[in-house]
Amino acid sequence: MAMIPLPYGIDLFEQVRKEHCYYIDKTHLISEMMSVPFKVNLITRPRRFGKTLAMSMLASFLISAGTAVSYSTDFRSQKMRNSAHSG
């Protein structure tokens, strides 16, 4: 029986799927986030809890649904700006 690799350090949902990594299904977050009509959703969790990966999964879903093509690009560019400032 082959071991499934852990996605440690991988924060892109597409990469987790492509590399067949172990992943805790968080697709229920999609229906939760889409059912709440807020402009901003605050997700508070500790470091290394999967927030970025969950947002990448949401972006993948929205892109595949054709509803937010620019979201993934905006999210990744924001992430790059944040990592440049954090050092």
PDB file of N, CA and C in Angstrom:
ATOM      1  N   MET A   1       0.844  -1.179   0.000  1.00  0.00           N
ATOM      2  CA  MET A   1       0.000   0.000   0.000  1.00  0.00           C
ATOM      3  C   MET A   1       0.888   1.240   0.000  1.00  0.00           C
ATOM      4  N   ALA A   2       0.714   2.089  -1.003  1.00  0.00           N
ATOM      5  CA  ALA A   2       1.531   3.295  -1.119  1.00  0.00           C
ATOM      6  C   ALA A   2       1.070   4.355  -0.129  1.00  0.00           C
ATOM      7  N   MET A   3       2.038   5.076   0.412  1.00  0.00           N
ATOM      8  CA  MET A   3       1.713   6.160   1.333  1.00  0.00           C
ATOM      9  C   MET A   3       1.308   7.402   0.543  1.00  0.00           C
ATOM     10  N   ILE A   4       0.291   8.079   1.009  1.00  0.00           N
ATOM     11  CA  ILE A   4      -0.158   9.315   0.386  1.00  0.00           C
ATOM     12  C   ILE A   4       0.663  10.457   0.977  1.00  0.00           C
ATOM     13  N   PRO A   5       1.299  11.278   0.115  1.00  0.00           N
ATOM     14  CA  PRO A   5       2.132  12.357   0.652  1.00  0.00           C
ATOM     15  C   PRO A   5       1.301  13.452   1.304  1.00  0.00           C
ATOM     16  N   LEU A   6       1.860  14.055   2.336  1.00  0.00           N
ATOM     17  CA  LEU A   6       1.227  15.197   2.984  1.00  0.00           C
ATOM     18  C   LEU A   6       1.570  16.455   2.186  1.00  0.00           C
ATOM     19  N   PRO A   7       0.638  17.386   2.058  1.00  0.00           N
ATOM     20  CA  PRO A   7       0.895  18.593   1.266  1.00  0.00           C
ATOM     21  C   PRO A   7       1.587  19.689   2.070  1.00  0.00           C
ATOM     22  N   TYR A   8       2.556  19.332   2.872  1.00  0.00           N
ATOM     23  CA  TYR A   8       3.219  20.319   3.724  1.00  0.00           C
ATOM     24  C   TYR A   8       3.897  21.382   2.862  1.00  0.00           C
ATOM     25  N   GLY A   9       3.534  22.642   3.077  1.00  0.00           N
ATOM     26  CA  GLY A   9       4.120  23.743   2.334  1.00  0.00           C
ATOM     27  C   GLY A   9       3.440  24.018   1.005  1.00  0.00           C
ATOM     28  N   ILE A  10       2.465  23.213   0.621  1.00  0.00           N
ATOM     29  CA  ILE A  10       1.743  23.425  -0.635  1.00  0.00           C
ATOM     30  C   ILE A  10       0.460  24.186  -0.307  1.00  0.00           C
ATOM     31  N   ASP A  11       0.278  25.335  -0.954  1.00  0.00           N
ATOM     32  CA  ASP A  11      -0.918  26.121  -0.668  1.00  0.00           C
ATOM     33  C   ASP A  11      -1.792  26.342  -1.896  1.00  0.00           C
ATOM     34  N   LEU A  12      -1.540  25.585  -2.941  1.00  0.00           N
ATOM     35  CA  LEU A  12      -2.377  25.661  -4.137  1.00  0.00           C
ATOM     36  C   LEU A  12      -3.170  24.369  -4.289  1.00  0.00           C
ATOM     37  N   PHE A  13      -4.486  24.501  -4.316  1.00  0.00           N
ATOM     38  CA  PHE A  13      -5.366  23.348  -4.395  1.00  0.00           C
ATOM     39  C   PHE A  13      -5.095  22.509  -5.637  1.00  0.00           C
ATOM     40  N   GLU A  14      -4.826  23.168  -6.775  1.00  0.00           N
ATOM     41  CA  GLU A  14      -4.553  22.442  -8.017  1.00  0.00           C
ATOM     42  C   GLU A  14      -3.329  21.547  -7.865  1.00  0.00           C
ATOM     43  N   GLN A  15      -2.311  22.042  -7.157  1.00  0.00           N
ATOM     44  CA  GLN A  15      -1.085  21.270  -6.957  1.00  0.00           C
ATOM     45  C   GLN A  15      -1.338  20.079  -6.036  1.00  0.00           C
ATOM     46  N   VAL A  16      -2.142  20.266  -5.013  1.00  0.00           N
ATOM     47  CA  VAL A  16      -2.486  19.166  -4.104  1.00  0.00           C
ATOM     48  C   VAL A  16      -3.181  18.051  -4.879  1.00  0.00           C
ATOM     49  N   ARG A  17      -4.102  18.438  -5.763  1.00  0.00           N
ATOM     50  CA  ARG A  17      -4.814  17.431  -6.564  1.00  0.00           C
ATOM     51  C   ARG A  17      -3.888  16.761  -7.568  1.00  0.00           C
ATOM     52  N   LYS A  18      -3.044  17.558  -8.216  1.00  0.00           N
ATOM     53  CA  LYS A  18      -2.157  17.008  -9.243  1.00  0.00           C
ATOM     54  C   LYS A  18      -1.168  16.012  -8.644  1.00  0.00           C
ATOM     55  N   GLU A  19      -0.680  16.313  -7.441  1.00  0.00           N
ATOM     56  CA  GLU A  19       0.309  15.448  -6.794  1.00  0.00           C
ATOM     57  C   GLU A  19      -0.333  14.367  -5.925  1.00  0.00           C
ATOM     58  N   HIS A  20      -1.659  14.290  -5.921  1.00  0.00           N
ATOM     59  CA  HIS A  20      -2.405  13.276  -5.172  1.00  0.00           C
ATOM     60  C   HIS A  20      -2.017  13.255  -3.697  1.00  0.00           C
ATOM     61  N   CYS A  21      -1.950  14.439  -3.107  1.00  0.00           N
ATOM     62  CA  CYS A  21      -1.594  14.562  -1.695  1.00  0.00           C
ATOM     63  C   CYS A  21      -2.806  14.324  -0.801  1.00  0.00           C
ATOM     64  N   TYR A  22      -2.521  13.997   0.436  1.00  0.00           N
ATOM     65  CA  TYR A  22      -3.553  13.835   1.454  1.00  0.00           C
ATOM     66  C   TYR A  22      -4.206  15.193   1.665  1.00  0.00           C
ATOM     67  N   TYR A  23      -5.529  15.218   1.714  1.00  0.00           N
ATOM     68  CA  TYR A  23      -6.240  16.481   1.857  1.00  0.00           C
ATOM     69  C   TYR A  23      -7.524  16.247   2.640  1.00  0.00           C
ATOM     70  N   ILE A  24      -7.771  17.079   3.636  1.00  0.00           N
ATOM     71  CA  ILE A  24      -9.019  17.022   4.384  1.00  0.00           C
ATOM     72  C   ILE A  24     -10.040  17.845   3.623  1.00  0.00           C
ATOM     73  N   ASP A  25     -11.100  17.206   3.206  1.00  0.00           N
ATOM     74  CA  ASP A  25     -12.110  17.840   2.370  1.00  0.00           C
ATOM     75  C   ASP A  25     -12.772  19.004   3.094  1.00  0.00           C
ATOM     76  N   LYS A  26     -12.648  20.183   2.503  1.00  0.00           N
ATOM     77  CA  LYS A  26     -13.256  21.382   3.068  1.00  0.00           C
ATOM     78  C   LYS A  26     -14.251  21.994   2.094  1.00  0.00           C
ATOM     79  N   THR A  27     -14.794  21.171   1.206  1.00  0.00           N
ATOM     80  CA  THR A  27     -15.722  21.710   0.212  1.00  0.00           C
ATOM     81  C   THR A  27     -17.015  22.220   0.844  1.00  0.00           C
ATOM     82  N   HIS A  28     -17.315  21.783   2.059  1.00  0.00           N
ATOM     83  CA  HIS A  28     -18.495  22.325   2.737  1.00  0.00           C
ATOM     84  C   HIS A  28     -18.350  23.828   2.976  1.00  0.00           C
ATOM     85  N   LEU A  29     -17.109  24.322   3.004  1.00  0.00           N
ATOM     86  CA  LEU A  29     -16.884  25.760   3.166  1.00  0.00           C
ATOM     87  C   LEU A  29     -17.444  26.556   1.989  1.00  0.00           C
ATOM     88  N   ILE A  30     -17.456  25.936   0.807  1.00  0.00           N
ATOM     89  CA  ILE A  30     -17.958  26.635  -0.372  1.00  0.00           C
ATOM     90  C   ILE A  30     -19.424  27.000  -0.167  1.00  0.00           C
ATOM     91  N   SER A  31     -20.240  26.038   0.223  1.00  0.00           N
ATOM     92  CA  SER A  31     -21.662  26.341   0.410  1.00  0.00           C
ATOM     93  C   SER A  31     -21.877  27.310   1.565  1.00  0.00           C
ATOM     94  N   GLU A  32     -21.068  27.190   2.630  1.00  0.00           N
ATOM     95  CA  GLU A  32     -21.186  28.121   3.756  1.00  0.00           C
ATOM     96  C   GLU A  32     -20.859  29.545   3.325  1.00  0.00           C
ATOM     97  N   MET A  33     -19.748  29.707   2.607  1.00  0.00           N
ATOM     98  CA  MET A  33     -19.324  31.045   2.211  1.00  0.00           C
ATOM     99  C   MET A  33     -20.240  31.652   1.151  1.00  0.00           C
ATOM    100  N   MET A  34     -20.761  30.824   0.252  1.00  0.00           N
ATOM    101  CA  MET A  34     -21.621  31.339  -0.803  1.00  0.00           C
ATOM    102  C   MET A  34     -23.028  31.648  -0.292  1.00  0.00           C
ATOM    103  N   SER A  35     -23.425  31.051   0.816  1.00  0.00           N
ATOM    104  CA  SER A  35     -24.769  31.295   1.338  1.00  0.00           C
ATOM    105  C   SER A  35     -24.850  32.534   2.220  1.00  0.00           C
ATOM    106  N   VAL A  36     -23.716  33.059   2.645  1.00  0.00           N
ATOM    107  CA  VAL A  36     -23.692  34.243   3.497  1.00  0.00           C
ATOM    108  C   VAL A  36     -23.487  35.474   2.620  1.00  0.00           C
ATOM    109  N   PRO A  37     -24.426  36.422   2.646  1.00  0.00           N
ATOM    110  CA  PRO A  37     -24.347  37.571   1.732  1.00  0.00           C
ATOM    111  C   PRO A  37     -23.488  38.728   2.234  1.00  0.00           C
ATOM    112  N   PHE A  38     -22.335  38.446   2.804  1.00  0.00           N
ATOM    113  CA  PHE A  38     -21.451  39.506   3.273  1.00  0.00           C
ATOM    114  C   PHE A  38     -20.451  39.887   2.196  1.00  0.00           C
ATOM    115  N   LYS A  39     -19.973  41.125   2.232  1.00  0.00           N
ATOM    116  CA  LYS A  39     -18.935  41.556   1.290  1.00  0.00           C
ATOM    117  C   LYS A  39     -17.580  41.004   1.710  1.00  0.00           C
ATOM    118  N   VAL A  40     -17.393  40.817   3.005  1.00  0.00           N
ATOM    119  CA  VAL A  40     -16.116  40.339   3.541  1.00  0.00           C
ATOM    120  C   VAL A  40     -16.386  39.173   4.488  1.00  0.00           C
ATOM    121  N   ASN A  41     -15.619  38.123   4.343  1.00  0.00           N
ATOM    122  CA  ASN A  41     -15.678  36.991   5.272  1.00  0.00           C
ATOM    123  C   ASN A  41     -14.366  36.927   6.026  1.00  0.00           C
ATOM    124  N   LEU A  42     -14.416  36.979   7.336  1.00  0.00           N
ATOM    125  CA  LEU A  42     -13.229  36.894   8.173  1.00  0.00           C
ATOM    126  C   LEU A  42     -13.058  35.448   8.621  1.00  0.00           C
ATOM    127  N   ILE A  43     -11.913  34.880   8.282  1.00  0.00           N
ATOM    128  CA  ILE A  43     -11.625  33.495   8.659  1.00  0.00           C
ATOM    129  C   ILE A  43     -10.478  33.528   9.653  1.00  0.00           C
ATOM    130  N   THR A  44     -10.788  33.217  10.890  1.00  0.00           N
ATOM    131  CA  THR A  44      -9.768  33.245  11.933  1.00  0.00           C
ATOM    132  C   THR A  44      -9.427  31.820  12.345  1.00  0.00           C
ATOM    133  N   ARG A  45      -8.207  31.446  12.103  1.00  0.00           N
ATOM    134  CA  ARG A  45      -7.683  30.140  12.480  1.00  0.00           C
ATOM    135  C   ARG A  45      -6.194  30.310  12.785  1.00  0.00           C
ATOM    136  N   PRO A  46      -5.622  29.392  13.539  1.00  0.00           N
ATOM    137  CA  PRO A  46      -4.187  29.485  13.827  1.00  0.00           C
ATOM    138  C   PRO A  46      -3.333  29.311  12.569  1.00  0.00           C
ATOM    139  N   ARG A  47      -2.067  29.646  12.704  1.00  0.00           N
ATOM    140  CA  ARG A  47      -1.127  29.419  11.606  1.00  0.00           C
ATOM    141  C   ARG A  47      -1.118  27.947  11.224  1.00  0.00           C
ATOM    142  N   ARG A  48      -0.849  27.696   9.937  1.00  0.00           N
ATOM    143  CA  ARG A  48      -0.710  26.335   9.397  1.00  0.00           C
ATOM    144  C   ARG A  48      -2.009  25.537   9.526  1.00  0.00           C
ATOM    145  N   PHE A  49      -3.147  26.212   9.497  1.00  0.00           N
ATOM    146  CA  PHE A  49      -4.437  25.542   9.673  1.00  0.00           C
ATOM    147  C   PHE A  49      -5.154  25.299   8.347  1.00  0.00           C
ATOM    148  N   GLY A  50      -4.571  25.778   7.234  1.00  0.00           N
ATOM    149  CA  GLY A  50      -5.147  25.504   5.928  1.00  0.00           C
ATOM    150  C   GLY A  50      -6.007  26.604   5.349  1.00  0.00           C
ATOM    151  N   LYS A  51      -5.863  27.833   5.862  1.00  0.00           N
ATOM    152  CA  LYS A  51      -6.678  28.946   5.355  1.00  0.00           C
ATOM    153  C   LYS A  51      -6.369  29.240   3.896  1.00  0.00           C
ATOM    154  N   THR A  52      -5.105  29.334   3.545  1.00  0.00           N
ATOM    155  CA  THR A  52      -4.717  29.653   2.171  1.00  0.00           C
ATOM    156  C   THR A  52      -5.127  28.539   1.227  1.00  0.00           C
ATOM    157  N   LEU A  53      -4.944  27.305   1.639  1.00  0.00           N
ATOM    158  CA  LEU A  53      -5.343  26.172   0.804  1.00  0.00           C
ATOM    159  C   LEU A  53      -6.862  26.148   0.610  1.00  0.00           C
ATOM    160  N   ALA A  54      -7.614  26.477   1.657  1.00  0.00           N
ATOM    161  CA  ALA A  54      -9.074  26.530   1.537  1.00  0.00           C
ATOM    162  C   ALA A  54      -9.498  27.634   0.571  1.00  0.00           C
ATOM    163  N   MET A  55      -8.833  28.776   0.608  1.00  0.00           N
ATOM    164  CA  MET A  55      -9.157  29.867  -0.318  1.00  0.00           C
ATOM    165  C   MET A  55      -8.760  29.499  -1.744  1.00  0.00           C
ATOM    166  N   SER A  56      -7.681  28.760  -1.898  1.00  0.00           N
ATOM    167  CA  SER A  56      -7.275  28.296  -3.216  1.00  0.00           C
ATOM    168  C   SER A  56      -8.304  27.307  -3.763  1.00  0.00           C
ATOM    169  N   MET A  57      -8.847  26.457  -2.886  1.00  0.00           N
ATOM    170  CA  MET A  57      -9.895  25.529  -3.295  1.00  0.00           C
ATOM    171  C   MET A  57     -11.142  26.302  -3.736  1.00  0.00           C
ATOM    172  N   LEU A  58     -11.501  27.333  -2.987  1.00  0.00           N
ATOM    173  CA  LEU A  58     -12.652  28.160  -3.342  1.00  0.00           C
ATOM    174  C   LEU A  58     -12.423  28.855  -4.681  1.00  0.00           C
ATOM    175  N   ALA A  59     -11.227  29.383  -4.883  1.00  0.00           N
ATOM    176  CA  ALA A  59     -10.894  30.034  -6.157  1.00  0.00           C
ATOM    177  C   ALA A  59     -10.995  29.038  -7.308  1.00  0.00           C
ATOM    178  N   SER A  60     -10.496  27.825  -7.107  1.00  0.00           N
ATOM    179  CA  SER A  60     -10.581  26.798  -8.152  1.00  0.00           C
ATOM    180  C   SER A  60     -12.027  26.485  -8.489  1.00  0.00           C
ATOM    181  N   PHE A  61     -12.864  26.397  -7.471  1.00  0.00           N
ATOM    182  CA  PHE A  61     -14.276  26.131  -7.694  1.00  0.00           C
ATOM    183  C   PHE A  61     -14.924  27.265  -8.487  1.00  0.00           C
ATOM    184  N   LEU A  62     -14.661  28.500  -8.080  1.00  0.00           N
ATOM    185  CA  LEU A  62     -15.261  29.644  -8.758  1.00  0.00           C
ATOM    186  C   LEU A  62     -14.764  29.764 -10.190  1.00  0.00           C
ATOM    187  N   ILE A  63     -13.495  29.497 -10.399  1.00  0.00           N
ATOM    188  CA  ILE A  63     -12.941  29.569 -11.757  1.00  0.00           C
ATOM    189  C   ILE A  63     -13.567  28.486 -12.633  1.00  0.00           C
ATOM    190  N   SER A  64     -13.682  27.273 -12.096  1.00  0.00           N
ATOM    191  CA  SER A  64     -14.268  26.195 -12.891  1.00  0.00           C
ATOM    192  C   SER A  64     -15.745  26.462 -13.169  1.00  0.00           C
ATOM    193  N   ALA A  65     -16.398  27.190 -12.273  1.00  0.00           N
ATOM    194  CA  ALA A  65     -17.798  27.546 -12.482  1.00  0.00           C
ATOM    195  C   ALA A  65     -17.919  28.753 -13.403  1.00  0.00           C
ATOM    196  N   GLY A  66     -16.779  29.409 -13.689  1.00  0.00           N
ATOM    197  CA  GLY A  66     -16.778  30.560 -14.589  1.00  0.00           C
ATOM    198  C   GLY A  66     -17.305  31.830 -13.968  1.00  0.00           C
ATOM    199  N   THR A  67     -17.282  31.924 -12.633  1.00  0.00           N
ATOM    200  CA  THR A  67     -17.860  33.094 -11.987  1.00  0.00           C
ATOM    201  C   THR A  67     -16.843  34.111 -11.508  1.00  0.00           C
ATOM    202  N   ALA A  68     -15.585  33.713 -11.376  1.00  0.00           N
ATOM    203  CA  ALA A  68     -14.592  34.652 -10.839  1.00  0.00           C
ATOM    204  C   ALA A  68     -13.228  34.373 -11.438  1.00  0.00           C
ATOM    205  N   VAL A  69     -13.077  34.595 -12.705  1.00  0.00           N
ATOM    206  CA  VAL A  69     -11.829  34.275 -13.393  1.00  0.00           C
ATOM    207  C   VAL A  69     -10.661  35.067 -12.830  1.00  0.00           C
ATOM    208  N   SER A  70     -10.884  36.307 -12.451  1.00  0.00           N
ATOM    209  CA  SER A  70      -9.771  37.137 -11.988  1.00  0.00           C
ATOM    210  C   SER A  70      -9.445  36.921 -10.514  1.00  0.00           C
ATOM    211  N   TYR A  71     -10.291  36.208  -9.767  1.00  0.00           N
ATOM    212  CA  TYR A  71     -10.068  36.050  -8.335  1.00  0.00           C
ATOM    213  C   TYR A  71      -8.739  35.392  -8.024  1.00  0.00           C
ATOM    214  N   SER A  72      -8.425  34.302  -8.710  1.00  0.00           N
ATOM    215  CA  SER A  72      -7.197  33.570  -8.433  1.00  0.00           C
ATOM    216  C   SER A  72      -5.972  34.445  -8.658  1.00  0.00           C
ATOM    217  N   THR A  73      -5.957  35.205  -9.728  1.00  0.00           N
ATOM    218  CA  THR A  73      -4.830  36.094 -10.017  1.00  0.00           C
ATOM    219  C   THR A  73      -4.719  37.161  -8.941  1.00  0.00           C
ATOM    220  N   ASP A  74      -5.835  37.766  -8.565  1.00  0.00           N
ATOM    221  CA  ASP A  74      -5.819  38.792  -7.519  1.00  0.00           C
ATOM    222  C   ASP A  74      -5.340  38.214  -6.202  1.00  0.00           C
ATOM    223  N   PHE A  75      -5.806  37.010  -5.850  1.00  0.00           N
ATOM    224  CA  PHE A  75      -5.436  36.367  -4.598  1.00  0.00           C
ATOM    225  C   PHE A  75      -3.942  36.079  -4.557  1.00  0.00           C
ATOM    226  N   ARG A  76      -3.405  35.530  -5.650  1.00  0.00           N
ATOM    227  CA  ARG A  76      -1.978  35.196  -5.687  1.00  0.00           C
ATOM    228  C   ARG A  76      -1.117  36.452  -5.660  1.00  0.00           C
ATOM    229  N   SER A  77      -1.517  37.513  -6.346  1.00  0.00           N
ATOM    230  CA  SER A  77      -0.714  38.735  -6.329  1.00  0.00           C
ATOM    231  C   SER A  77      -0.748  39.361  -4.941  1.00  0.00           C
ATOM    232  N   GLN A  78      -1.897  39.306  -4.260  1.00  0.00           N
ATOM    233  CA  GLN A  78      -1.989  39.809  -2.889  1.00  0.00           C
ATOM    234  C   GLN A  78      -1.082  38.997  -1.976  1.00  0.00           C
ATOM    235  N   LYS A  79      -1.056  37.679  -2.172  1.00  0.00           N
ATOM    236  CA  LYS A  79      -0.213  36.811  -1.355  1.00  0.00           C
ATOM    237  C   LYS A  79       1.265  37.158  -1.553  1.00  0.00           C
ATOM    238  N   MET A  80       1.653  37.432  -2.797  1.00  0.00           N
ATOM    239  CA  MET A  80       3.042  37.799  -3.070  1.00  0.00           C
ATOM    240  C   MET A  80       3.390  39.119  -2.388  1.00  0.00           C
ATOM    241  N   ARG A  81       2.479  40.081  -2.434  1.00  0.00           N
ATOM    242  CA  ARG A  81       2.734  41.362  -1.758  1.00  0.00           C
ATOM    243  C   ARG A  81       2.874  41.158  -0.255  1.00  0.00           C
ATOM    244  N   ASN A  82       2.012  40.328   0.332  1.00  0.00           N
ATOM    245  CA  ASN A  82       2.073  40.069   1.771  1.00  0.00           C
ATOM    246  C   ASN A  82       3.371  39.371   2.152  1.00  0.00           C
ATOM    247  N   SER A  83       3.807  38.394   1.368  1.00  0.00           N
ATOM    248  CA  SER A  83       5.030  37.662   1.707  1.00  0.00           C
ATOM    249  C   SER A  83       6.251  38.547   1.542  1.00  0.00           C
ATOM    250  N   ALA A  84       6.211  39.508   0.624  1.00  0.00           N
ATOM    251  CA  ALA A  84       7.332  40.436   0.442  1.00  0.00           C
ATOM    252  C   ALA A  84       7.486  41.341   1.650  1.00  0.00           C
ATOM    253  N   HIS A  85       6.346  41.701   2.269  1.00  0.00           N
ATOM    254  CA  HIS A  85       6.380  42.578   3.448  1.00  0.00           C
ATOM    255  C   HIS A  85       6.714  41.821   4.726  1.00  0.00           C
ATOM    256  N   SER A  86       6.418  40.528   4.781  1.00  0.00           N
ATOM    257  CA  SER A  86       6.647  39.776   6.021  1.00  0.00           C
ATOM    258  C   SER A  86       8.076  39.255   6.118  1.00  0.00           C
ATOM    259  N   GLY A  87       8.817  39.377   5.054  1.00  0.00           N
ATOM    260  CA  GLY A  87      10.142  39.120   5.085  1.00  0.00           C
ATOM    261  C   GLY A  87      11.029  38.117   4.936  1.00  0.00           C
TER     262      GLY A  87
END
